[in-house]
């Protein structure tokens, strides 16, 4: 990779990392790493959401 391409890639990466939405997501990930029980609860919520969605699709 030449230097110009590397500089552009680094600039783009920095722009993405500085995005407020990405910053919020990184906080969320950090919290999950610090509290594995939250990750487990998140998995339960996802499973329940899938069940609810499937039931709604069957009703409609």
C-alpha atoms as a PDB file:
ATOM      1  CA  UNK A   1       0.000   0.000   0.000  1.00  0.00           C
ATOM      2  CA  UNK A   2       1.506   3.319  -0.961  1.00  0.00           C
ATOM      3  CA  UNK A   3       1.730   6.194   1.512  1.00  0.00           C
ATOM      4  CA  UNK A   4      -1.109   8.244  -0.044  1.00  0.00           C
ATOM      5  CA  UNK A   5      -3.506   5.298   0.156  1.00  0.00           C
ATOM      6  CA  UNK A   6      -2.407   4.561   3.726  1.00  0.00           C
ATOM      7  CA  UNK A   7      -2.980   8.193   4.735  1.00  0.00           C
ATOM      8  CA  UNK A   8      -6.454   8.175   3.173  1.00  0.00           C
ATOM      9  CA  UNK A   9      -7.301   4.899   4.901  1.00  0.00           C
ATOM     10  CA  UNK A  10      -6.066   6.243   8.245  1.00  0.00           C
ATOM     11  CA  UNK A  11      -8.079   9.444   7.805  1.00  0.00           C
ATOM     12  CA  UNK A  12     -11.220   7.501   6.946  1.00  0.00           C
ATOM     13  CA  UNK A  13     -10.698   5.187   9.908  1.00  0.00           C
ATOM     14  CA  UNK A  14     -10.289   8.158  12.252  1.00  0.00           C
ATOM     15  CA  UNK A  15     -13.415   9.798  10.855  1.00  0.00           C
ATOM     16  CA  UNK A  16     -15.403   6.620  11.462  1.00  0.00           C
ATOM     17  CA  UNK A  17     -14.030   6.170  14.992  1.00  0.00           C
ATOM     18  CA  UNK A  18     -14.891   9.773  15.883  1.00  0.00           C
ATOM     19  CA  UNK A  19     -18.508   9.372  14.779  1.00  0.00           C
ATOM     20  CA  UNK A  20     -20.829   9.839  17.809  1.00  0.00           C
ATOM     21  CA  UNK A  21     -22.815   6.717  16.933  1.00  0.00           C
ATOM     22  CA  UNK A  22     -19.629   4.627  16.847  1.00  0.00           C
ATOM     23  CA  UNK A  23     -18.543   6.143  20.171  1.00  0.00           C
ATOM     24  CA  UNK A  24     -21.869   5.143  21.745  1.00  0.00           C
ATOM     25  CA  UNK A  25     -21.553   1.619  20.354  1.00  0.00           C
ATOM     26  CA  UNK A  26     -18.034   1.330  21.772  1.00  0.00           C
ATOM     27  CA  UNK A  27     -19.344   2.344  25.224  1.00  0.00           C
ATOM     28  CA  UNK A  28     -22.059  -0.294  24.897  1.00  0.00           C
ATOM     29  CA  UNK A  29     -19.512  -2.970  23.969  1.00  0.00           C
ATOM     30  CA  UNK A  30     -17.257  -1.965  26.862  1.00  0.00           C
ATOM     31  CA  UNK A  31     -20.152  -2.226  29.307  1.00  0.00           C
ATOM     32  CA  UNK A  32     -20.999  -5.699  28.020  1.00  0.00           C
ATOM     33  CA  UNK A  33     -17.396  -6.824  28.426  1.00  0.00           C
ATOM     34  CA  UNK A  34     -17.367  -5.523  32.008  1.00  0.00           C
ATOM     35  CA  UNK A  35     -20.718  -7.133  32.872  1.00  0.00           C
ATOM     36  CA  UNK A  36     -21.138 -10.530  31.193  1.00  0.00           C
ATOM     37  CA  UNK A  37     -24.527 -10.968  32.858  1.00  0.00           C
ATOM     38  CA  UNK A  38     -25.786  -8.131  30.649  1.00  0.00           C
ATOM     39  CA  UNK A  39     -24.657 -10.042  27.576  1.00  0.00           C
ATOM     40  CA  UNK A  40     -26.640 -13.022  28.775  1.00  0.00           C
ATOM     41  CA  UNK A  41     -29.718 -10.848  29.300  1.00  0.00           C
ATOM     42  CA  UNK A  42     -29.251  -9.347  25.850  1.00  0.00           C
ATOM     43  CA  UNK A  43     -29.264 -12.853  24.354  1.00  0.00           C
ATOM     44  CA  UNK A  44     -32.470 -13.680  26.221  1.00  0.00           C
ATOM     45  CA  UNK A  45     -34.121 -10.517  24.927  1.00  0.00           C
ATOM     46  CA  UNK A  46     -33.079 -11.331  21.369  1.00  0.00           C
ATOM     47  CA  UNK A  47     -34.534 -14.829  21.646  1.00  0.00           C
ATOM     48  CA  UNK A  48     -37.799 -13.550  23.087  1.00  0.00           C
ATOM     49  CA  UNK A  49     -37.998 -10.883  20.379  1.00  0.00           C
ATOM     50  CA  UNK A  50     -37.636 -13.551  17.713  1.00  0.00           C
ATOM     51  CA  UNK A  51     -40.455 -15.580  19.259  1.00  0.00           C
ATOM     52  CA  UNK A  52     -42.719 -12.522  19.403  1.00  0.00           C
ATOM     53  CA  UNK A  53     -41.909 -11.605  15.807  1.00  0.00           C
ATOM     54  CA  UNK A  54     -42.645 -15.136  14.574  1.00  0.00           C
ATOM     55  CA  UNK A  55     -45.954 -15.202  16.437  1.00  0.00           C
ATOM     56  CA  UNK A  56     -46.977 -11.867  14.935  1.00  0.00           C
ATOM     57  CA  UNK A  57     -46.125 -13.091  11.458  1.00  0.00           C
ATOM     58  CA  UNK A  58     -48.234 -16.194  12.001  1.00  0.00           C
ATOM     59  CA  UNK A  59     -51.210 -14.135  13.192  1.00  0.00           C
ATOM     60  CA  UNK A  60     -51.097 -11.743  10.241  1.00  0.00           C
END
